[in-house]
Amino acid sequence: MEGGIGGNENVREEEQDGMSVHSPCKAPASSASSLPKEQSQVELELRLLEGLEIYPPVKLRGMHRHFVLYGLMEFLRRSFDRQFSPDEVLQLLGRFYNIEMLKPDDEEAEILNHEEDFSLPQSYFVKEE
């Protein structure tokens, strides 16, 4: 009797989720259609993370923000051979970072918009004798 119970457990192990342990793993037909979409999404996120090695997200805060965003757009464009909008890249970044923290505040915008007249110092104009 004990052999019968042990044999019954062995059958349960082999047929977990309706699949035999010895049969090749195949996704159910219902999820096969969503697999390419999920796979492309994962690949997109991986390429974005690779791009962040070149264009660090900390530089998205400050005066280099637009250059970094453009760099990420170009990196993704070259990786996938299609155009990405800034909004798409920011949406992808939003999955990993709090984008609201990267937006410039009013004080920073005021500093960047501040203009000063430039003039050379008088010592530059001293004549050599």
N, C-alpha and C. Protein backbone atom coordinates (compact mmCIF):
# COMPACT_ATOMS: atom_id res chain seq x y z
N MET A 1 0.81 -1.20 0.00
CA MET A 1 0.00 0.00 0.00
C MET A 1 0.86 1.27 0.00
N GLU A 2 1.96 1.24 0.74
CA GLU A 2 2.80 2.42 0.75
C GLU A 2 3.39 2.69 -0.63
N GLY A 3 3.73 1.63 -1.36
CA GLY A 3 4.25 1.80 -2.71
C GLY A 3 3.23 2.47 -3.61
N GLY A 4 1.94 2.15 -3.42
CA GLY A 4 0.88 2.74 -4.23
C GLY A 4 0.74 4.22 -3.97
N ILE A 5 0.88 4.62 -2.70
CA ILE A 5 0.75 6.04 -2.36
C ILE A 5 1.93 6.81 -2.92
N GLY A 6 3.15 6.24 -2.76
CA GLY A 6 4.34 6.89 -3.29
C GLY A 6 4.28 7.01 -4.80
N GLY A 7 3.78 6.01 -5.46
CA GLY A 7 3.64 6.05 -6.91
C GLY A 7 2.65 7.11 -7.33
N ASN A 8 1.60 7.29 -6.54
CA ASN A 8 0.59 8.30 -6.83
C ASN A 8 1.19 9.71 -6.71
N GLU A 9 2.06 9.93 -5.72
CA GLU A 9 2.71 11.23 -5.56
C GLU A 9 3.64 11.50 -6.74
N ASN A 10 4.29 10.44 -7.23
CA ASN A 10 5.19 10.58 -8.37
C ASN A 10 4.43 11.04 -9.60
N VAL A 11 3.22 10.53 -9.81
CA VAL A 11 2.39 10.94 -10.94
C VAL A 11 2.03 12.41 -10.79
N ARG A 12 1.73 12.85 -9.55
CA ARG A 12 1.39 14.26 -9.33
C ARG A 12 2.58 15.16 -9.66
N GLU A 13 3.80 14.74 -9.30
CA GLU A 13 4.97 15.54 -9.60
C GLU A 13 5.18 15.67 -11.10
N GLU A 14 4.95 14.59 -11.84
CA GLU A 14 5.18 14.60 -13.27
C GLU A 14 4.14 15.43 -14.02
N GLU A 15 2.94 15.56 -13.47
CA GLU A 15 1.88 16.24 -14.20
C GLU A 15 1.42 17.52 -13.52
N GLN A 16 2.36 18.29 -13.02
CA GLN A 16 2.00 19.57 -12.42
C GLN A 16 1.52 20.51 -13.51
N ASP A 17 0.46 21.20 -13.24
CA ASP A 17 -0.15 22.15 -14.18
C ASP A 17 -0.48 21.53 -15.51
N GLY A 18 -0.79 20.25 -15.52
CA GLY A 18 -1.20 19.59 -16.75
C GLY A 18 -0.07 19.29 -17.70
N MET A 19 1.17 19.48 -17.26
CA MET A 19 2.31 19.20 -18.13
C MET A 19 3.21 18.16 -17.47
N SER A 20 3.75 17.29 -18.24
CA SER A 20 4.67 16.29 -17.73
C SER A 20 6.04 16.93 -17.51
N VAL A 21 6.74 16.46 -16.50
CA VAL A 21 8.07 16.97 -16.22
C VAL A 21 8.99 16.67 -17.39
N HIS A 22 8.73 15.62 -18.11
CA HIS A 22 9.60 15.18 -19.20
C HIS A 22 9.25 15.81 -20.54
N SER A 23 8.11 16.46 -20.63
CA SER A 23 7.73 17.06 -21.91
C SER A 23 8.34 18.46 -22.02
N PRO A 24 8.61 18.93 -23.23
CA PRO A 24 9.17 20.28 -23.37
C PRO A 24 8.15 21.32 -22.92
N CYS A 25 8.65 22.38 -22.33
CA CYS A 25 7.76 23.44 -21.83
C CYS A 25 7.23 24.25 -23.00
N LYS A 26 5.95 24.37 -23.05
CA LYS A 26 5.31 25.18 -24.08
C LYS A 26 4.29 26.07 -23.39
N ALA A 27 4.23 27.30 -23.83
CA ALA A 27 3.25 28.21 -23.27
C ALA A 27 1.87 27.84 -23.77
N PRO A 28 0.83 28.02 -22.96
CA PRO A 28 -0.52 27.77 -23.44
C PRO A 28 -0.84 28.67 -24.62
N ALA A 29 -1.71 28.21 -25.50
CA ALA A 29 -2.04 28.95 -26.72
C ALA A 29 -2.59 30.34 -26.41
N SER A 30 -3.29 30.51 -25.30
CA SER A 30 -3.88 31.80 -24.98
C SER A 30 -2.82 32.85 -24.67
N SER A 31 -1.69 32.46 -24.07
CA SER A 31 -0.68 33.44 -23.73
C SER A 31 0.36 33.60 -24.83
N ALA A 32 0.32 32.76 -25.85
CA ALA A 32 1.31 32.83 -26.92
C ALA A 32 1.19 34.15 -27.69
N SER A 33 0.00 34.69 -27.80
CA SER A 33 -0.18 35.92 -28.56
C SER A 33 0.40 37.12 -27.82
N SER A 34 0.41 37.10 -26.48
CA SER A 34 0.92 38.24 -25.72
C SER A 34 2.42 38.15 -25.49
N LEU A 35 3.03 37.02 -25.81
CA LEU A 35 4.45 36.83 -25.56
C LEU A 35 5.32 37.83 -26.32
N PRO A 36 5.15 38.04 -27.62
CA PRO A 36 6.00 39.02 -28.30
C PRO A 36 5.87 40.42 -27.71
N LYS A 37 4.67 40.81 -27.33
CA LYS A 37 4.48 42.13 -26.75
C LYS A 37 5.23 42.25 -25.43
N GLU A 38 5.11 41.24 -24.56
CA GLU A 38 5.81 41.26 -23.28
C GLU A 38 7.32 41.22 -23.50
N GLN A 39 7.76 40.39 -24.46
CA GLN A 39 9.18 40.26 -24.73
C GLN A 39 9.73 41.58 -25.27
N SER A 40 9.02 42.25 -26.15
CA SER A 40 9.50 43.51 -26.68
C SER A 40 9.51 44.58 -25.59
N GLN A 41 8.56 44.52 -24.66
CA GLN A 41 8.52 45.48 -23.56
C GLN A 41 9.73 45.28 -22.66
N VAL A 42 10.06 44.03 -22.37
CA VAL A 42 11.23 43.73 -21.54
C VAL A 42 12.50 44.18 -22.26
N GLU A 43 12.57 43.93 -23.56
CA GLU A 43 13.75 44.34 -24.32
C GLU A 43 13.87 45.86 -24.35
N LEU A 44 12.75 46.55 -24.47
CA LEU A 44 12.75 48.01 -24.46
C LEU A 44 13.27 48.53 -23.12
N GLU A 45 12.81 47.95 -22.03
CA GLU A 45 13.27 48.38 -20.71
C GLU A 45 14.75 48.08 -20.51
N LEU A 46 15.21 46.94 -21.02
CA LEU A 46 16.64 46.61 -20.90
C LEU A 46 17.50 47.59 -21.69
N ARG A 47 17.06 47.94 -22.90
CA ARG A 47 17.82 48.91 -23.70
C ARG A 47 17.83 50.28 -23.03
N LEU A 48 16.73 50.65 -22.41
CA LEU A 48 16.68 51.93 -21.68
C LEU A 48 17.69 51.91 -20.55
N LEU A 49 17.75 50.81 -19.80
CA LEU A 49 18.70 50.72 -18.69
C LEU A 49 20.14 50.74 -19.21
N GLU A 50 20.39 50.15 -20.37
CA GLU A 50 21.72 50.23 -20.98
C GLU A 50 22.04 51.68 -21.34
N GLY A 51 21.06 52.39 -21.86
CA GLY A 51 21.25 53.79 -22.21
C GLY A 51 21.54 54.65 -20.99
N LEU A 52 20.98 54.27 -19.85
CA LEU A 52 21.21 55.04 -18.63
C LEU A 52 22.65 54.91 -18.12
N GLU A 53 23.37 53.89 -18.60
CA GLU A 53 24.79 53.80 -18.27
C GLU A 53 25.56 54.92 -18.95
N ILE A 54 25.13 55.30 -20.14
CA ILE A 54 25.79 56.35 -20.91
C ILE A 54 25.25 57.72 -20.49
N TYR A 55 23.94 57.80 -20.34
CA TYR A 55 23.27 59.06 -20.01
C TYR A 55 22.64 58.92 -18.63
N PRO A 56 23.37 59.25 -17.58
CA PRO A 56 22.87 59.02 -16.21
C PRO A 56 21.62 59.85 -15.90
N PRO A 57 20.68 59.23 -15.21
CA PRO A 57 19.43 59.94 -14.91
C PRO A 57 19.61 61.14 -13.99
N VAL A 58 20.69 61.18 -13.22
CA VAL A 58 20.89 62.32 -12.34
C VAL A 58 21.07 63.61 -13.16
N LYS A 59 21.54 63.47 -14.41
CA LYS A 59 21.71 64.65 -15.26
C LYS A 59 20.39 65.08 -15.90
N LEU A 60 19.33 64.32 -15.68
CA LEU A 60 18.02 64.76 -16.16
C LEU A 60 17.49 65.91 -15.31
N ARG A 61 18.16 66.17 -14.21
CA ARG A 61 17.79 67.29 -13.36
C ARG A 61 18.85 68.37 -13.56
N GLY A 62 18.46 69.44 -14.15
CA GLY A 62 19.42 70.51 -14.35
C GLY A 62 19.50 70.94 -15.80
N MET A 63 20.57 71.67 -16.09
CA MET A 63 20.68 72.30 -17.40
C MET A 63 20.96 71.30 -18.52
N HIS A 64 21.41 70.10 -18.21
CA HIS A 64 21.70 69.10 -19.24
C HIS A 64 20.50 68.21 -19.55
N ARG A 65 19.37 68.49 -18.95
CA ARG A 65 18.18 67.65 -19.06
C ARG A 65 17.82 67.32 -20.51
N HIS A 66 17.76 68.31 -21.35
CA HIS A 66 17.31 68.09 -22.73
C HIS A 66 18.35 67.31 -23.55
N PHE A 67 19.63 67.51 -23.25
CA PHE A 67 20.68 66.77 -23.95
C PHE A 67 20.64 65.29 -23.58
N VAL A 68 20.43 65.01 -22.30
CA VAL A 68 20.35 63.62 -21.84
C VAL A 68 19.12 62.95 -22.42
N LEU A 69 18.01 63.65 -22.41
CA LEU A 69 16.78 63.10 -22.98
C LEU A 69 16.94 62.82 -24.47
N TYR A 70 17.57 63.74 -25.18
CA TYR A 70 17.83 63.53 -26.61
C TYR A 70 18.77 62.34 -26.81
N GLY A 71 19.79 62.22 -25.97
CA GLY A 71 20.71 61.10 -26.07
C GLY A 71 20.01 59.77 -25.87
N LEU A 72 19.11 59.70 -24.89
CA LEU A 72 18.34 58.47 -24.66
C LEU A 72 17.43 58.17 -25.85
N MET A 73 16.82 59.21 -26.42
CA MET A 73 15.96 59.01 -27.59
C MET A 73 16.77 58.44 -28.75
N GLU A 74 17.96 58.97 -28.98
CA GLU A 74 18.81 58.49 -30.07
C GLU A 74 19.31 57.08 -29.80
N PHE A 75 19.65 56.78 -28.55
CA PHE A 75 20.11 55.43 -28.21
C PHE A 75 19.01 54.41 -28.49
N LEU A 76 17.78 54.72 -28.09
CA LEU A 76 16.67 53.81 -28.35
C LEU A 76 16.34 53.73 -29.84
N ARG A 77 16.46 54.86 -30.55
CA ARG A 77 16.20 54.86 -31.99
C ARG A 77 17.16 53.93 -32.71
N ARG A 78 18.44 54.01 -32.34
CA ARG A 78 19.43 53.14 -32.98
C ARG A 78 19.23 51.68 -32.59
N SER A 79 18.79 51.43 -31.37
CA SER A 79 18.60 50.06 -30.90
C SER A 79 17.41 49.38 -31.57
N PHE A 80 16.33 50.15 -31.82
CA PHE A 80 15.10 49.56 -32.33
C PHE A 80 14.75 50.01 -33.75
N ASP A 81 15.55 50.88 -34.33
CA ASP A 81 15.33 51.37 -35.68
C ASP A 81 13.94 51.98 -35.84
N ARG A 82 13.54 52.77 -34.84
CA ARG A 82 12.30 53.53 -34.92
C ARG A 82 12.42 54.76 -34.04
N GLN A 83 11.63 55.79 -34.33
CA GLN A 83 11.69 57.03 -33.57
C GLN A 83 10.98 56.89 -32.22
N PHE A 84 11.51 57.58 -31.22
CA PHE A 84 10.88 57.66 -29.91
C PHE A 84 10.69 59.13 -29.58
N SER A 85 9.53 59.46 -29.04
CA SER A 85 9.27 60.84 -28.64
C SER A 85 9.81 61.06 -27.22
N PRO A 86 10.04 62.30 -26.86
CA PRO A 86 10.49 62.58 -25.49
C PRO A 86 9.49 62.07 -24.44
N ASP A 87 8.20 62.16 -24.76
CA ASP A 87 7.19 61.69 -23.82
C ASP A 87 7.27 60.17 -23.62
N GLU A 88 7.56 59.43 -24.70
CA GLU A 88 7.70 57.98 -24.58
C GLU A 88 8.88 57.62 -23.69
N VAL A 89 9.99 58.33 -23.88
CA VAL A 89 11.19 58.05 -23.08
C VAL A 89 10.93 58.41 -21.62
N LEU A 90 10.28 59.53 -21.38
CA LEU A 90 9.96 59.91 -20.00
C LEU A 90 8.99 58.93 -19.36
N GLN A 91 8.06 58.41 -20.14
CA GLN A 91 7.13 57.41 -19.62
C GLN A 91 7.88 56.13 -19.23
N LEU A 92 8.83 55.71 -20.06
CA LEU A 92 9.65 54.55 -19.73
C LEU A 92 10.48 54.80 -18.47
N LEU A 93 11.05 55.99 -18.39
CA LEU A 93 11.84 56.33 -17.20
C LEU A 93 10.97 56.36 -15.95
N GLY A 94 9.71 56.72 -16.12
CA GLY A 94 8.78 56.77 -15.00
C GLY A 94 8.55 55.43 -14.34
N ARG A 95 8.86 54.35 -15.04
CA ARG A 95 8.73 53.01 -14.45
C ARG A 95 9.82 52.74 -13.43
N PHE A 96 10.95 53.45 -13.57
CA PHE A 96 12.09 53.20 -12.70
C PHE A 96 12.39 54.35 -11.74
N TYR A 97 11.99 55.56 -12.12
CA TYR A 97 12.33 56.75 -11.34
C TYR A 97 11.10 57.62 -11.13
N ASN A 98 11.15 58.44 -10.10
CA ASN A 98 10.11 59.42 -9.84
C ASN A 98 10.42 60.65 -10.70
N ILE A 99 9.78 60.75 -11.83
CA ILE A 99 10.06 61.81 -12.80
C ILE A 99 9.72 63.19 -12.22
N GLU A 100 8.76 63.26 -11.33
CA GLU A 100 8.39 64.55 -10.73
C GLU A 100 9.57 65.17 -9.99
N MET A 101 10.44 64.33 -9.44
CA MET A 101 11.61 64.84 -8.73
C MET A 101 12.65 65.40 -9.70
N LEU A 102 12.58 65.03 -10.96
CA LEU A 102 13.56 65.48 -11.94
C LEU A 102 13.16 66.79 -12.61
N LYS A 103 11.92 67.20 -12.45
CA LYS A 103 11.47 68.44 -13.10
C LYS A 103 12.15 69.64 -12.43
N PRO A 104 12.56 70.62 -13.24
CA PRO A 104 13.20 71.80 -12.67
C PRO A 104 12.22 72.62 -11.85
N ASP A 105 12.71 73.16 -10.74
CA ASP A 105 11.85 74.01 -9.93
C ASP A 105 11.95 75.46 -10.43
N ASP A 106 11.13 76.33 -9.88
CA ASP A 106 11.08 77.72 -10.34
C ASP A 106 12.39 78.45 -10.12
N GLU A 107 13.05 78.14 -9.00
CA GLU A 107 14.31 78.82 -8.68
C GLU A 107 15.38 78.47 -9.72
N GLU A 108 15.43 77.21 -10.11
CA GLU A 108 16.40 76.78 -11.12
C GLU A 108 16.09 77.43 -12.46
N ALA A 109 14.84 77.52 -12.82
CA ALA A 109 14.45 78.14 -14.09
C ALA A 109 14.84 79.61 -14.09
N GLU A 110 14.71 80.27 -12.95
CA GLU A 110 15.07 81.68 -12.85
C GLU A 110 16.58 81.86 -13.03
N ILE A 111 17.37 80.97 -12.45
CA ILE A 111 18.83 81.05 -12.59
C ILE A 111 19.23 80.84 -14.05
N LEU A 112 18.60 79.88 -14.71
CA LEU A 112 18.95 79.60 -16.11
C LEU A 112 18.53 80.73 -17.04
N ASN A 113 17.50 81.46 -16.69
CA ASN A 113 17.02 82.55 -17.54
C ASN A 113 17.69 83.89 -17.24
N HIS A 114 18.52 83.92 -16.20
CA HIS A 114 19.20 85.16 -15.81
C HIS A 114 20.28 85.50 -16.85
N GLU A 115 20.28 86.73 -17.32
CA GLU A 115 21.26 87.17 -18.31
C GLU A 115 22.13 88.25 -17.73
N GLU A 116 23.39 88.21 -18.09
CA GLU A 116 24.34 89.26 -17.70
C GLU A 116 25.10 89.69 -18.93
N ASP A 117 25.43 90.95 -19.01
CA ASP A 117 26.27 91.44 -20.10
C ASP A 117 27.70 90.99 -19.84
N PHE A 118 28.36 90.55 -20.90
CA PHE A 118 29.73 90.11 -20.77
C PHE A 118 30.67 91.20 -21.26
N SER A 119 31.71 91.40 -20.51
CA SER A 119 32.75 92.32 -20.96
C SER A 119 34.09 91.80 -20.47
N LEU A 120 35.10 92.04 -21.28
CA LEU A 120 36.45 91.62 -20.90
C LEU A 120 36.99 92.55 -19.81
N PRO A 121 37.82 92.03 -18.94
CA PRO A 121 38.39 92.89 -17.89
C PRO A 121 39.36 93.92 -18.49
N GLN A 122 39.54 95.03 -17.80
CA GLN A 122 40.42 96.11 -18.29
C GLN A 122 41.85 95.62 -18.45
N SER A 123 42.27 94.66 -17.64
CA SER A 123 43.66 94.17 -17.74
C SER A 123 43.91 93.52 -19.10
N TYR A 124 42.90 93.10 -19.77
CA TYR A 124 43.04 92.51 -21.09
C TYR A 124 43.44 93.57 -22.12
N PHE A 125 43.03 94.77 -21.89
CA PHE A 125 43.28 95.85 -22.84
C PHE A 125 44.57 96.62 -22.57
N VAL A 126 45.33 96.25 -21.57
CA VAL A 126 46.58 96.93 -21.25
C VAL A 126 47.55 96.73 -22.40
N LYS A 127 48.12 97.83 -22.87
CA LYS A 127 49.03 97.78 -24.00
C LYS A 127 50.41 97.34 -23.54
N GLU A 128 51.04 96.54 -24.37
CA GLU A 128 52.42 96.14 -24.07
C GLU A 128 53.36 97.22 -24.56
N GLU A 129 54.39 97.48 -23.79
CA GLU A 129 55.35 98.54 -24.19
C GLU A 129 56.66 97.96 -24.58
